[in-house]
Amino acid sequence: MEMGFNTREQFQHDKKEHIGTIATSYVLDGETIALDARTTALAMSQFLKARKELTVVTNGLRIGMELINTSGISVLIPGIVLRYESFSLIST
């Protein structure tokens, strides 16, 4: 059985933020990146807010929600089926 998203988000949270900081350092303004719906990608998304003219493609609803109000970041979320367990959208 898959752990719930909120439980996984809190599990090793400091390590996920550290990974997010390092990963964000490789993202340049103006790029297009893809993030999956996992909790480490969510931790990374908070650090992406400092980027300009960034496009983020993700199937993670929580990532989209984290970035949607950030000026200079476009969020593309493909799919039509929402998975409650992972807060992600799945294409059919």
Foldseek 3Di string as FASTA:
>chain_A
DDAAQVVQLPVPVVVLLVVLVVVLVPDAAQEEEEDELHNSSLSNLLVVLVHALYEYEYQHQSSCVNCVPRPRYHYHHDADDADRRRNGHDHD
